[in-house]
C-alpha atoms as a PDB file:
ATOM      1  CA  UNK A   1       0.000   0.000   0.000  1.00  0.00           C
ATOM      2  CA  UNK A   2       1.466   3.397  -0.974  1.00  0.00           C
ATOM      3  CA  UNK A   3       1.984   5.982   1.766  1.00  0.00           C
ATOM      4  CA  UNK A   4      -0.842   8.427   2.476  1.00  0.00           C
ATOM      5  CA  UNK A   5      -0.432  11.955   1.197  1.00  0.00           C
ATOM      6  CA  UNK A   6      -0.308  14.746   3.761  1.00  0.00           C
ATOM      7  CA  UNK A   7      -3.291  17.088   3.700  1.00  0.00           C
ATOM      8  CA  UNK A   8      -2.975  20.826   4.207  1.00  0.00           C
ATOM      9  CA  UNK A   9      -4.841  20.522   7.507  1.00  0.00           C
ATOM     10  CA  UNK A  10      -2.469  17.804   8.745  1.00  0.00           C
ATOM     11  CA  UNK A  11       0.565  19.912   7.850  1.00  0.00           C
ATOM     12  CA  UNK A  12      -0.870  22.973   9.600  1.00  0.00           C
ATOM     13  CA  UNK A  13      -1.697  20.930  12.706  1.00  0.00           C
ATOM     14  CA  UNK A  14       1.741  19.308  12.727  1.00  0.00           C
ATOM     15  CA  UNK A  15       3.487  22.672  12.284  1.00  0.00           C
ATOM     16  CA  UNK A  16       1.394  24.181  15.077  1.00  0.00           C
ATOM     17  CA  UNK A  17       2.172  21.292  17.417  1.00  0.00           C
ATOM     18  CA  UNK A  18       5.873  21.467  16.528  1.00  0.00           C
ATOM     19  CA  UNK A  19       5.844  25.210  17.260  1.00  0.00           C
ATOM     20  CA  UNK A  20       4.313  24.433  20.648  1.00  0.00           C
ATOM     21  CA  UNK A  21       7.162  22.024  21.405  1.00  0.00           C
ATOM     22  CA  UNK A  22       5.403  18.690  20.825  1.00  0.00           C
ATOM     23  CA  UNK A  23       7.604  15.694  20.056  1.00  0.00           C
ATOM     24  CA  UNK A  24       7.467  13.806  16.769  1.00  0.00           C
ATOM     25  CA  UNK A  25       5.817  10.869  18.541  1.00  0.00           C
ATOM     26  CA  UNK A  26       3.115  13.136  20.048  1.00  0.00           C
ATOM     27  CA  UNK A  27       2.395  14.604  16.625  1.00  0.00           C
ATOM     28  CA  UNK A  28       2.389  11.106  15.097  1.00  0.00           C
ATOM     29  CA  UNK A  29      -0.235   9.869  17.568  1.00  0.00           C
ATOM     30  CA  UNK A  30      -2.515  12.795  16.745  1.00  0.00           C
ATOM     31  CA  UNK A  31      -2.008  12.362  12.975  1.00  0.00           C
ATOM     32  CA  UNK A  32      -2.287   8.534  13.042  1.00  0.00           C
ATOM     33  CA  UNK A  33       1.151   8.267  11.419  1.00  0.00           C
ATOM     34  CA  UNK A  34       4.542   6.956  12.471  1.00  0.00           C
ATOM     35  CA  UNK A  35       6.984   9.191  14.314  1.00  0.00           C
ATOM     36  CA  UNK A  36       9.553   8.651  11.555  1.00  0.00           C
ATOM     37  CA  UNK A  37       7.042   9.806   8.909  1.00  0.00           C
ATOM     38  CA  UNK A  38       6.349  12.968  10.905  1.00  0.00           C
ATOM     39  CA  UNK A  39      10.055  13.595  11.434  1.00  0.00           C
ATOM     40  CA  UNK A  40      10.781  13.112   7.728  1.00  0.00           C
ATOM     41  CA  UNK A  41       8.019  15.514   6.757  1.00  0.00           C
ATOM     42  CA  UNK A  42       8.891  18.217   9.281  1.00  0.00           C
ATOM     43  CA  UNK A  43      12.669  17.868   9.341  1.00  0.00           C
ATOM     44  CA  UNK A  44      14.353  21.114   8.363  1.00  0.00           C
ATOM     45  CA  UNK A  45      11.131  23.098   8.545  1.00  0.00           C
ATOM     46  CA  UNK A  46      10.870  25.879  11.045  1.00  0.00           C
ATOM     47  CA  UNK A  47       7.411  26.186  12.485  1.00  0.00           C
ATOM     48  CA  UNK A  48       6.389  29.705  13.338  1.00  0.00           C
ATOM     49  CA  UNK A  49       4.654  30.463  16.602  1.00  0.00           C
ATOM     50  CA  UNK A  50       1.307  30.692  14.803  1.00  0.00           C
ATOM     51  CA  UNK A  51       1.844  27.306  13.195  1.00  0.00           C
ATOM     52  CA  UNK A  52       1.831  28.783   9.708  1.00  0.00           C
ATOM     53  CA  UNK A  53       4.364  27.758   7.127  1.00  0.00           C
ATOM     54  CA  UNK A  54       7.744  29.438   7.531  1.00  0.00           C
ATOM     55  CA  UNK A  55       7.910  30.029   3.782  1.00  0.00           C
ATOM     56  CA  UNK A  56       5.319  32.823   3.893  1.00  0.00           C
ATOM     57  CA  UNK A  57       6.908  36.212   3.373  1.00  0.00           C
ATOM     58  CA  UNK A  58       6.165  39.493   5.088  1.00  0.00           C
ATOM     59  CA  UNK A  59       3.627  41.684   3.297  1.00  0.00           C
ATOM     60  CA  UNK A  60       5.184  44.659   1.545  1.00  0.00           C
ATOM     61  CA  UNK A  61       3.985  48.121   2.526  1.00  0.00           C
ATOM     62  CA  UNK A  62       1.606  49.660   0.012  1.00  0.00           C
ATOM     63  CA  UNK A  63       2.869  52.551  -2.079  1.00  0.00           C
ATOM     64  CA  UNK A  64       1.418  55.984  -1.404  1.00  0.00           C
ATOM     65  CA  UNK A  65      -0.022  57.714  -4.457  1.00  0.00           C
ATOM     66  CA  UNK A  66       2.405  60.309  -5.810  1.00  0.00           C
ATOM     67  CA  UNK A  67       5.300  59.141  -3.672  1.00  0.00           C
ATOM     68  CA  UNK A  68       8.571  58.051  -5.251  1.00  0.00           C
ATOM     69  CA  UNK A  69       9.267  54.332  -4.936  1.00  0.00           C
ATOM     70  CA  UNK A  70      11.710  53.556  -2.149  1.00  0.00           C
ATOM     71  CA  UNK A  71      14.546  51.105  -2.798  1.00  0.00           C
ATOM     72  CA  UNK A  72      14.497  48.029  -0.589  1.00  0.00           C
ATOM     73  CA  UNK A  73      16.982  48.023   2.252  1.00  0.00           C
ATOM     74  CA  UNK A  74      20.004  45.801   1.801  1.00  0.00           C
ATOM     75  CA  UNK A  75      20.540  43.098   4.355  1.00  0.00           C
ATOM     76  CA  UNK A  76      22.818  44.253   7.152  1.00  0.00           C
ATOM     77  CA  UNK A  77      23.607  40.795   8.460  1.00  0.00           C
ATOM     78  CA  UNK A  78      27.043  39.380   7.951  1.00  0.00           C
ATOM     79  CA  UNK A  79      27.005  36.257   5.779  1.00  0.00           C
ATOM     80  CA  UNK A  80      27.921  33.121   7.655  1.00  0.00           C
ATOM     81  CA  UNK A  81      30.425  30.935   5.850  1.00  0.00           C
ATOM     82  CA  UNK A  82      30.504  27.199   6.258  1.00  0.00           C
ATOM     83  CA  UNK A  83      33.678  25.801   7.775  1.00  0.00           C
ATOM     84  CA  UNK A  84      36.197  24.373   5.359  1.00  0.00           C
ATOM     85  CA  UNK A  85      35.466  20.779   4.488  1.00  0.00           C
ATOM     86  CA  UNK A  86      37.067  18.086   2.405  1.00  0.00           C
ATOM     87  CA  UNK A  87      33.637  17.331   0.935  1.00  0.00           C
ATOM     88  CA  UNK A  88      33.515  13.827   2.394  1.00  0.00           C
ATOM     89  CA  UNK A  89      31.525  14.532   5.547  1.00  0.00           C
ATOM     90  CA  UNK A  90      28.476  16.424   4.303  1.00  0.00           C
ATOM     91  CA  UNK A  91      25.164  15.130   2.918  1.00  0.00           C
ATOM     92  CA  UNK A  92      26.794  13.855  -0.259  1.00  0.00           C
ATOM     93  CA  UNK A  93      29.422  12.020   1.830  1.00  0.00           C
ATOM     94  CA  UNK A  94      28.450   8.431   1.012  1.00  0.00           C
ATOM     95  CA  UNK A  95      28.089   9.209  -2.700  1.00  0.00           C
ATOM     96  CA  UNK A  96      31.376  11.089  -2.783  1.00  0.00           C
ATOM     97  CA  UNK A  97      33.163   8.268  -0.966  1.00  0.00           C
ATOM     98  CA  UNK A  98      31.733   5.768  -3.455  1.00  0.00           C
ATOM     99  CA  UNK A  99      32.943   7.839  -6.418  1.00  0.00           C
ATOM    100  CA  UNK A 100      36.418   8.322  -4.925  1.00  0.00           C
ATOM    101  CA  UNK A 101      36.639   4.608  -4.196  1.00  0.00           C
ATOM    102  CA  UNK A 102      35.553   3.727  -7.735  1.00  0.00           C
ATOM    103  CA  UNK A 103      38.186   6.063  -9.208  1.00  0.00           C
ATOM    104  CA  UNK A 104      40.904   4.532  -7.015  1.00  0.00           C
ATOM    105  CA  UNK A 105      39.894   1.015  -8.079  1.00  0.00           C
ATOM    106  CA  UNK A 106      39.862   2.097 -11.752  1.00  0.00           C
ATOM    107  CA  UNK A 107      43.367   3.579 -11.430  1.00  0.00           C
ATOM    108  CA  UNK A 108      44.678   0.429  -9.759  1.00  0.00           C
ATOM    109  CA  UNK A 109      43.173  -1.778 -12.480  1.00  0.00           C
ATOM    110  CA  UNK A 110      44.621   0.503 -15.167  1.00  0.00           C
ATOM    111  CA  UNK A 111      48.073   0.323 -13.540  1.00  0.00           C
ATOM    112  CA  UNK A 112      47.923  -3.474 -13.270  1.00  0.00           C
ATOM    113  CA  UNK A 113      46.734  -3.918 -16.858  1.00  0.00           C
ATOM    114  CA  UNK A 114      49.338  -1.613 -18.407  1.00  0.00           C
END
């Protein structure tokens, strides 16, 4: 049986509960789903205090008739740089390790055959 699709109401309820500090297992019981399914769905999402989706943007102020348009303010936050990495310990780690290993094996076979 294929997995059930998440409804908008379920997502809103789950986001609200997550914003209130409920655990994945508490949310799962309410949604009649597994805790791992809830965690997978909500992982990486930030629930706002109202439970609404974090992807909603702030409304822009309306322009006043006859007023010159104001340029948007540039961000004043300092960009945060990721620490230096060899590329083997991030999300693509297992794939990268597989590729590196395959290249090493190919080079060894080429050296033996030549």
